[in-house]
Amino acid sequence: MELIYQDTCIETAQLQWQSEGSIAPIVFSIVGVIAWLVFILIYALFWSNGFSLFQNIIVTMVSLAIAGLLIGLMWVI
């Protein structure tokens, strides 16, 4: 009886682990958002002096799109 119970517990734990998935996409998403925010902050403080408002908006939108694509790719793969 104990052997069957132990096997059932192990199978249940394995199924639970498989259904929860990996934590890597969550961590990558959080790190990606923080990295994007740091990039925008550094860009706004140091690199945006020579650009017009329109160019700054385009840089922000393109960088957000790239960050979104990388995060989305991580969730798909």
PDB file of N, CA and C in Angstrom:
ATOM      1  N   MET A   1       0.808  -1.190   0.000  1.00  0.00           N
ATOM      2  CA  MET A   1       0.000   0.000   0.000  1.00  0.00           C
ATOM      3  C   MET A   1       0.860   1.267   0.000  1.00  0.00           C
ATOM      4  N   GLU A   2       1.920   1.284   0.769  1.00  0.00           N
ATOM      5  CA  GLU A   2       2.749   2.484   0.855  1.00  0.00           C
ATOM      6  C   GLU A   2       3.435   2.770  -0.470  1.00  0.00           C
ATOM      7  N   LEU A   3       3.860   1.730  -1.182  1.00  0.00           N
ATOM      8  CA  LEU A   3       4.538   1.918  -2.455  1.00  0.00           C
ATOM      9  C   LEU A   3       3.601   2.584  -3.463  1.00  0.00           C
ATOM     10  N   ILE A   4       2.365   2.167  -3.518  1.00  0.00           N
ATOM     11  CA  ILE A   4       1.393   2.771  -4.429  1.00  0.00           C
ATOM     12  C   ILE A   4       1.140   4.217  -4.040  1.00  0.00           C
ATOM     13  N   TYR A   5       1.014   4.483  -2.766  1.00  0.00           N
ATOM     14  CA  TYR A   5       0.769   5.853  -2.295  1.00  0.00           C
ATOM     15  C   TYR A   5       1.941   6.768  -2.642  1.00  0.00           C
ATOM     16  N   GLN A   6       3.174   6.278  -2.463  1.00  0.00           N
ATOM     17  CA  GLN A   6       4.348   7.083  -2.768  1.00  0.00           C
ATOM     18  C   GLN A   6       4.434   7.365  -4.270  1.00  0.00           C
ATOM     19  N   ASP A   7       4.144   6.360  -5.098  1.00  0.00           N
ATOM     20  CA  ASP A   7       4.170   6.566  -6.537  1.00  0.00           C
ATOM     21  C   ASP A   7       3.118   7.589  -6.958  1.00  0.00           C
ATOM     22  N   THR A   8       1.957   7.540  -6.361  1.00  0.00           N
ATOM     23  CA  THR A   8       0.893   8.492  -6.680  1.00  0.00           C
ATOM     24  C   THR A   8       1.295   9.903  -6.288  1.00  0.00           C
ATOM     25  N   CYS A   9       1.931  10.060  -5.139  1.00  0.00           N
ATOM     26  CA  CYS A   9       2.381  11.383  -4.699  1.00  0.00           C
ATOM     27  C   CYS A   9       3.441  11.935  -5.633  1.00  0.00           C
ATOM     28  N   ILE A  10       4.353  11.080  -6.070  1.00  0.00           N
ATOM     29  CA  ILE A  10       5.414  11.520  -6.981  1.00  0.00           C
ATOM     30  C   ILE A  10       4.817  11.927  -8.326  1.00  0.00           C
ATOM     31  N   GLU A  11       3.877  11.133  -8.851  1.00  0.00           N
ATOM     32  CA  GLU A  11       3.245  11.461 -10.118  1.00  0.00           C
ATOM     33  C   GLU A  11       2.450  12.754 -10.012  1.00  0.00           C
ATOM     34  N   THR A  12       1.769  12.947  -8.902  1.00  0.00           N
ATOM     35  CA  THR A  12       1.006  14.173  -8.695  1.00  0.00           C
ATOM     36  C   THR A  12       1.932  15.380  -8.643  1.00  0.00           C
ATOM     37  N   ALA A  13       3.048  15.261  -7.954  1.00  0.00           N
ATOM     38  CA  ALA A  13       4.011  16.356  -7.865  1.00  0.00           C
ATOM     39  C   ALA A  13       4.607  16.661  -9.239  1.00  0.00           C
ATOM     40  N   GLN A  14       4.895  15.637 -10.021  1.00  0.00           N
ATOM     41  CA  GLN A  14       5.452  15.840 -11.349  1.00  0.00           C
ATOM     42  C   GLN A  14       4.442  16.529 -12.260  1.00  0.00           C
ATOM     43  N   LEU A  15       3.178  16.106 -12.200  1.00  0.00           N
ATOM     44  CA  LEU A  15       2.151  16.738 -13.011  1.00  0.00           C
ATOM     45  C   LEU A  15       1.942  18.191 -12.601  1.00  0.00           C
ATOM     46  N   GLN A  16       1.992  18.464 -11.309  1.00  0.00           N
ATOM     47  CA  GLN A  16       1.832  19.832 -10.834  1.00  0.00           C
ATOM     48  C   GLN A  16       2.991  20.691 -11.319  1.00  0.00           C
ATOM     49  N   TRP A  17       4.205  20.190 -11.276  1.00  0.00           N
ATOM     50  CA  TRP A  17       5.373  20.938 -11.728  1.00  0.00           C
ATOM     51  C   TRP A  17       5.281  21.216 -13.224  1.00  0.00           C
ATOM     52  N   GLN A  18       4.832  20.238 -14.005  1.00  0.00           N
ATOM     53  CA  GLN A  18       4.713  20.416 -15.442  1.00  0.00           C
ATOM     54  C   GLN A  18       3.617  21.413 -15.788  1.00  0.00           C
ATOM     55  N   SER A  19       2.545  21.435 -15.039  1.00  0.00           N
ATOM     56  CA  SER A  19       1.458  22.344 -15.351  1.00  0.00           C
ATOM     57  C   SER A  19       1.795  23.781 -14.989  1.00  0.00           C
ATOM     58  N   GLU A  20       2.646  23.986 -13.998  1.00  0.00           N
ATOM     59  CA  GLU A  20       3.012  25.338 -13.612  1.00  0.00           C
ATOM     60  C   GLU A  20       3.986  25.960 -14.602  1.00  0.00           C
ATOM     61  N   GLY A  21       4.792  25.182 -15.251  1.00  0.00           N
ATOM     62  CA  GLY A  21       5.742  25.700 -16.224  1.00  0.00           C
ATOM     63  C   GLY A  21       6.975  26.275 -15.559  1.00  0.00           C
ATOM     64  N   SER A  22       7.744  26.942 -16.374  1.00  0.00           N
ATOM     65  CA  SER A  22       9.013  27.499 -15.904  1.00  0.00           C
ATOM     66  C   SER A  22       8.822  28.936 -15.433  1.00  0.00           C
ATOM     67  N   ILE A  23       9.665  29.358 -14.556  1.00  0.00           N
ATOM     68  CA  ILE A  23       9.617  30.723 -14.053  1.00  0.00           C
ATOM     69  C   ILE A  23      10.454  31.663 -14.923  1.00  0.00           C
ATOM     70  N   ALA A  24      11.220  31.112 -15.849  1.00  0.00           N
ATOM     71  CA  ALA A  24      12.114  31.914 -16.688  1.00  0.00           C
ATOM     72  C   ALA A  24      11.387  33.004 -17.491  1.00  0.00           C
ATOM     73  N   PRO A  25      10.250  32.738 -18.143  1.00  0.00           N
ATOM     74  CA  PRO A  25       9.583  33.821 -18.878  1.00  0.00           C
ATOM     75  C   PRO A  25       9.124  34.966 -17.975  1.00  0.00           C
ATOM     76  N   ILE A  26       8.732  34.649 -16.774  1.00  0.00           N
ATOM     77  CA  ILE A  26       8.289  35.688 -15.838  1.00  0.00           C
ATOM     78  C   ILE A  26       9.472  36.564 -15.451  1.00  0.00           C
ATOM     79  N   VAL A  27      10.581  35.923 -15.111  1.00  0.00           N
ATOM     80  CA  VAL A  27      11.782  36.672 -14.728  1.00  0.00           C
ATOM     81  C   VAL A  27      12.276  37.506 -15.905  1.00  0.00           C
ATOM     82  N   PHE A  28      12.293  36.921 -17.102  1.00  0.00           N
ATOM     83  CA  PHE A  28      12.749  37.639 -18.288  1.00  0.00           C
ATOM     84  C   PHE A  28      11.855  38.844 -18.574  1.00  0.00           C
ATOM     85  N   SER A  29      10.557  38.699 -18.369  1.00  0.00           N
ATOM     86  CA  SER A  29       9.630  39.804 -18.594  1.00  0.00           C
ATOM     87  C   SER A  29       9.898  40.954 -17.624  1.00  0.00           C
ATOM     88  N   ILE A  30      10.086  40.622 -16.367  1.00  0.00           N
ATOM     89  CA  ILE A  30      10.353  41.656 -15.358  1.00  0.00           C
ATOM     90  C   ILE A  30      11.673  42.356 -15.649  1.00  0.00           C
ATOM     91  N   VAL A  31      12.706  41.573 -15.944  1.00  0.00           N
ATOM     92  CA  VAL A  31      14.019  42.152 -16.252  1.00  0.00           C
ATOM     93  C   VAL A  31      13.944  42.983 -17.534  1.00  0.00           C
ATOM     94  N   GLY A  32      13.189  42.514 -18.512  1.00  0.00           N
ATOM     95  CA  GLY A  32      13.044  43.263 -19.769  1.00  0.00           C
ATOM     96  C   GLY A  32      12.375  44.611 -19.575  1.00  0.00           C
ATOM     97  N   VAL A  33      11.329  44.653 -18.769  1.00  0.00           N
ATOM     98  CA  VAL A  33      10.648  45.921 -18.502  1.00  0.00           C
ATOM     99  C   VAL A  33      11.562  46.875 -17.735  1.00  0.00           C
ATOM    100  N   ILE A  34      12.271  46.359 -16.748  1.00  0.00           N
ATOM    101  CA  ILE A  34      13.192  47.202 -15.982  1.00  0.00           C
ATOM    102  C   ILE A  34      14.315  47.716 -16.884  1.00  0.00           C
ATOM    103  N   ALA A  35      14.848  46.856 -17.749  1.00  0.00           N
ATOM    104  CA  ALA A  35      15.916  47.280 -18.665  1.00  0.00           C
ATOM    105  C   ALA A  35      15.411  48.359 -19.620  1.00  0.00           C
ATOM    106  N   TRP A  36      14.176  48.223 -20.105  1.00  0.00           N
ATOM    107  CA  TRP A  36      13.624  49.231 -21.003  1.00  0.00           C
ATOM    108  C   TRP A  36      13.464  50.568 -20.279  1.00  0.00           C
ATOM    109  N   LEU A  37      12.970  50.522 -19.045  1.00  0.00           N
ATOM    110  CA  LEU A  37      12.815  51.756 -18.269  1.00  0.00           C
ATOM    111  C   LEU A  37      14.158  52.434 -18.005  1.00  0.00           C
ATOM    112  N   VAL A  38      15.178  51.648 -17.706  1.00  0.00           N
ATOM    113  CA  VAL A  38      16.518  52.200 -17.490  1.00  0.00           C
ATOM    114  C   VAL A  38      17.049  52.817 -18.785  1.00  0.00           C
ATOM    115  N   PHE A  39      16.833  52.132 -19.914  1.00  0.00           N
ATOM    116  CA  PHE A  39      17.276  52.675 -21.200  1.00  0.00           C
ATOM    117  C   PHE A  39      16.602  54.010 -21.497  1.00  0.00           C
ATOM    118  N   ILE A  40      15.300  54.083 -21.309  1.00  0.00           N
ATOM    119  CA  ILE A  40      14.575  55.327 -21.589  1.00  0.00           C
ATOM    120  C   ILE A  40      15.043  56.443 -20.659  1.00  0.00           C
ATOM    121  N   LEU A  41      15.295  56.116 -19.414  1.00  0.00           N
ATOM    122  CA  LEU A  41      15.779  57.127 -18.471  1.00  0.00           C
ATOM    123  C   LEU A  41      17.159  57.648 -18.874  1.00  0.00           C
ATOM    124  N   ILE A  42      18.060  56.742 -19.210  1.00  0.00           N
ATOM    125  CA  ILE A  42      19.406  57.151 -19.643  1.00  0.00           C
ATOM    126  C   ILE A  42      19.325  57.932 -20.947  1.00  0.00           C
ATOM    127  N   TYR A  43      18.487  57.474 -21.855  1.00  0.00           N
ATOM    128  CA  TYR A  43      18.318  58.178 -23.131  1.00  0.00           C
ATOM    129  C   TYR A  43      17.799  59.593 -22.897  1.00  0.00           C
ATOM    130  N   ALA A  44      16.782  59.726 -22.051  1.00  0.00           N
ATOM    131  CA  ALA A  44      16.190  61.042 -21.801  1.00  0.00           C
ATOM    132  C   ALA A  44      17.173  61.984 -21.116  1.00  0.00           C
ATOM    133  N   LEU A  45      17.996  61.446 -20.229  1.00  0.00           N
ATOM    134  CA  LEU A  45      18.910  62.309 -19.479  1.00  0.00           C
ATOM    135  C   LEU A  45      20.164  62.691 -20.253  1.00  0.00           C
ATOM    136  N   PHE A  46      20.697  61.776 -21.068  1.00  0.00           N
ATOM    137  CA  PHE A  46      22.011  62.011 -21.658  1.00  0.00           C
ATOM    138  C   PHE A  46      22.036  62.100 -23.183  1.00  0.00           C
ATOM    139  N   TRP A  47      21.244  61.314 -23.876  1.00  0.00           N
ATOM    140  CA  TRP A  47      21.413  61.195 -25.317  1.00  0.00           C
ATOM    141  C   TRP A  47      20.402  61.980 -26.144  1.00  0.00           C
ATOM    142  N   SER A  48      19.351  62.496 -25.555  1.00  0.00           N
ATOM    143  CA  SER A  48      18.280  63.092 -26.349  1.00  0.00           C
ATOM    144  C   SER A  48      18.459  64.581 -26.622  1.00  0.00           C
ATOM    145  N   ASN A  49      19.558  65.160 -26.245  1.00  0.00           N
ATOM    146  CA  ASN A  49      19.745  66.605 -26.387  1.00  0.00           C
ATOM    147  C   ASN A  49      19.694  67.082 -27.836  1.00  0.00           C
ATOM    148  N   GLY A  50      20.262  66.320 -28.753  1.00  0.00           N
ATOM    149  CA  GLY A  50      20.336  66.760 -30.143  1.00  0.00           C
ATOM    150  C   GLY A  50      19.140  66.401 -30.993  1.00  0.00           C
ATOM    151  N   PHE A  51      18.152  65.748 -30.437  1.00  0.00           N
ATOM    152  CA  PHE A  51      17.007  65.298 -31.222  1.00  0.00           C
ATOM    153  C   PHE A  51      15.783  66.165 -30.955  1.00  0.00           C
ATOM    154  N   SER A  52      14.873  66.193 -31.943  1.00  0.00           N
ATOM    155  CA  SER A  52      13.612  66.916 -31.762  1.00  0.00           C
ATOM    156  C   SER A  52      12.637  66.059 -30.951  1.00  0.00           C
ATOM    157  N   LEU A  53      11.510  66.645 -30.585  1.00  0.00           N
ATOM    158  CA  LEU A  53      10.491  65.910 -29.827  1.00  0.00           C
ATOM    159  C   LEU A  53       9.984  64.707 -30.624  1.00  0.00           C
ATOM    160  N   PHE A  54       9.764  64.904 -31.924  1.00  0.00           N
ATOM    161  CA  PHE A  54       9.294  63.817 -32.775  1.00  0.00           C
ATOM    162  C   PHE A  54      10.286  62.655 -32.798  1.00  0.00           C
ATOM    163  N   GLN A  55      11.559  62.956 -32.914  1.00  0.00           N
ATOM    164  CA  GLN A  55      12.572  61.911 -32.932  1.00  0.00           C
ATOM    165  C   GLN A  55      12.647  61.181 -31.594  1.00  0.00           C
ATOM    166  N   ASN A  56      12.485  61.906 -30.507  1.00  0.00           N
ATOM    167  CA  ASN A  56      12.469  61.262 -29.189  1.00  0.00           C
ATOM    168  C   ASN A  56      11.273  60.333 -29.029  1.00  0.00           C
ATOM    169  N   ILE A  57      10.126  60.747 -29.549  1.00  0.00           N
ATOM    170  CA  ILE A  57       8.931  59.890 -29.484  1.00  0.00           C
ATOM    171  C   ILE A  57       9.140  58.633 -30.313  1.00  0.00           C
ATOM    172  N   ILE A  58       9.754  58.779 -31.496  1.00  0.00           N
ATOM    173  CA  ILE A  58      10.019  57.614 -32.356  1.00  0.00           C
ATOM    174  C   ILE A  58      10.994  56.655 -31.673  1.00  0.00           C
ATOM    175  N   VAL A  59      12.046  57.169 -31.055  1.00  0.00           N
ATOM    176  CA  VAL A  59      13.000  56.300 -30.351  1.00  0.00           C
ATOM    177  C   VAL A  59      12.294  55.548 -29.224  1.00  0.00           C
ATOM    178  N   THR A  60      11.433  56.233 -28.496  1.00  0.00           N
ATOM    179  CA  THR A  60      10.691  55.587 -27.414  1.00  0.00           C
ATOM    180  C   THR A  60       9.779  54.495 -27.950  1.00  0.00           C
ATOM    181  N   MET A  61       9.048  54.789 -29.024  1.00  0.00           N
ATOM    182  CA  MET A  61       8.118  53.796 -29.584  1.00  0.00           C
ATOM    183  C   MET A  61       8.856  52.589 -30.165  1.00  0.00           C
ATOM    184  N   VAL A  62       9.941  52.828 -30.870  1.00  0.00           N
ATOM    185  CA  VAL A  62      10.696  51.724 -31.468  1.00  0.00           C
ATOM    186  C   VAL A  62      11.338  50.860 -30.382  1.00  0.00           C
ATOM    187  N   SER A  63      11.887  51.494 -29.361  1.00  0.00           N
ATOM    188  CA  SER A  63      12.500  50.708 -28.281  1.00  0.00           C
ATOM    189  C   SER A  63      11.444  49.910 -27.516  1.00  0.00           C
ATOM    190  N   LEU A  64      10.257  50.484 -27.337  1.00  0.00           N
ATOM    191  CA  LEU A  64       9.166  49.750 -26.686  1.00  0.00           C
ATOM    192  C   LEU A  64       8.717  48.569 -27.541  1.00  0.00           C
ATOM    193  N   ALA A  65       8.651  48.767 -28.854  1.00  0.00           N
ATOM    194  CA  ALA A  65       8.278  47.671 -29.753  1.00  0.00           C
ATOM    195  C   ALA A  65       9.306  46.550 -29.720  1.00  0.00           C
ATOM    196  N   ILE A  66      10.582  46.897 -29.727  1.00  0.00           N
ATOM    197  CA  ILE A  66      11.640  45.880 -29.670  1.00  0.00           C
ATOM    198  C   ILE A  66      11.582  45.118 -28.352  1.00  0.00           C
ATOM    199  N   ALA A  67      11.406  45.844 -27.247  1.00  0.00           N
ATOM    200  CA  ALA A  67      11.309  45.178 -25.939  1.00  0.00           C
ATOM    201  C   ALA A  67      10.082  44.266 -25.902  1.00  0.00           C
ATOM    202  N   GLY A  68       8.968  44.732 -26.438  1.00  0.00           N
ATOM    203  CA  GLY A  68       7.759  43.913 -26.476  1.00  0.00           C
ATOM    204  C   GLY A  68       7.919  42.661 -27.327  1.00  0.00           C
ATOM    205  N   LEU A  69       8.590  42.810 -28.464  1.00  0.00           N
ATOM    206  CA  LEU A  69       8.838  41.651 -29.326  1.00  0.00           C
ATOM    207  C   LEU A  69       9.735  40.623 -28.643  1.00  0.00           C
ATOM    208  N   LEU A  70      10.770  41.103 -27.963  1.00  0.00           N
ATOM    209  CA  LEU A  70      11.670  40.166 -27.266  1.00  0.00           C
ATOM    210  C   LEU A  70      10.950  39.445 -26.122  1.00  0.00           C
ATOM    211  N   ILE A  71      10.138  40.173 -25.381  1.00  0.00           N
ATOM    212  CA  ILE A  71       9.386  39.540 -24.302  1.00  0.00           C
ATOM    213  C   ILE A  71       8.356  38.563 -24.860  1.00  0.00           C
ATOM    214  N   GLY A  72       7.673  38.969 -25.913  1.00  0.00           N
ATOM    215  CA  GLY A  72       6.707  38.067 -26.551  1.00  0.00           C
ATOM    216  C   GLY A  72       7.361  36.817 -27.110  1.00  0.00           C
ATOM    217  N   LEU A  73       8.534  36.976 -27.697  1.00  0.00           N
ATOM    218  CA  LEU A  73       9.265  35.833 -28.233  1.00  0.00           C
ATOM    219  C   LEU A  73       9.653  34.866 -27.118  1.00  0.00           C
ATOM    220  N   MET A  74      10.018  35.419 -25.992  1.00  0.00           N
ATOM    221  CA  MET A  74      10.389  34.571 -24.851  1.00  0.00           C
ATOM    222  C   MET A  74       9.190  33.750 -24.382  1.00  0.00           C
ATOM    223  N   TRP A  75       7.994  34.324 -24.407  1.00  0.00           N
ATOM    224  CA  TRP A  75       6.801  33.589 -23.951  1.00  0.00           C
ATOM    225  C   TRP A  75       6.378  32.533 -24.964  1.00  0.00           C
ATOM    226  N   VAL A  76       6.656  32.758 -26.248  1.00  0.00           N
ATOM    227  CA  VAL A  76       6.249  31.804 -27.273  1.00  0.00           C
ATOM    228  C   VAL A  76       7.189  30.603 -27.305  1.00  0.00           C
ATOM    229  N   ILE A  77       8.477  30.863 -27.150  1.00  0.00           N
ATOM    230  CA  ILE A  77       9.455  29.768 -27.255  1.00  0.00           C
ATOM    231  C   ILE A  77       9.528  28.974 -25.996  1.00  0.00           C
TER     232      ILE A  77
END
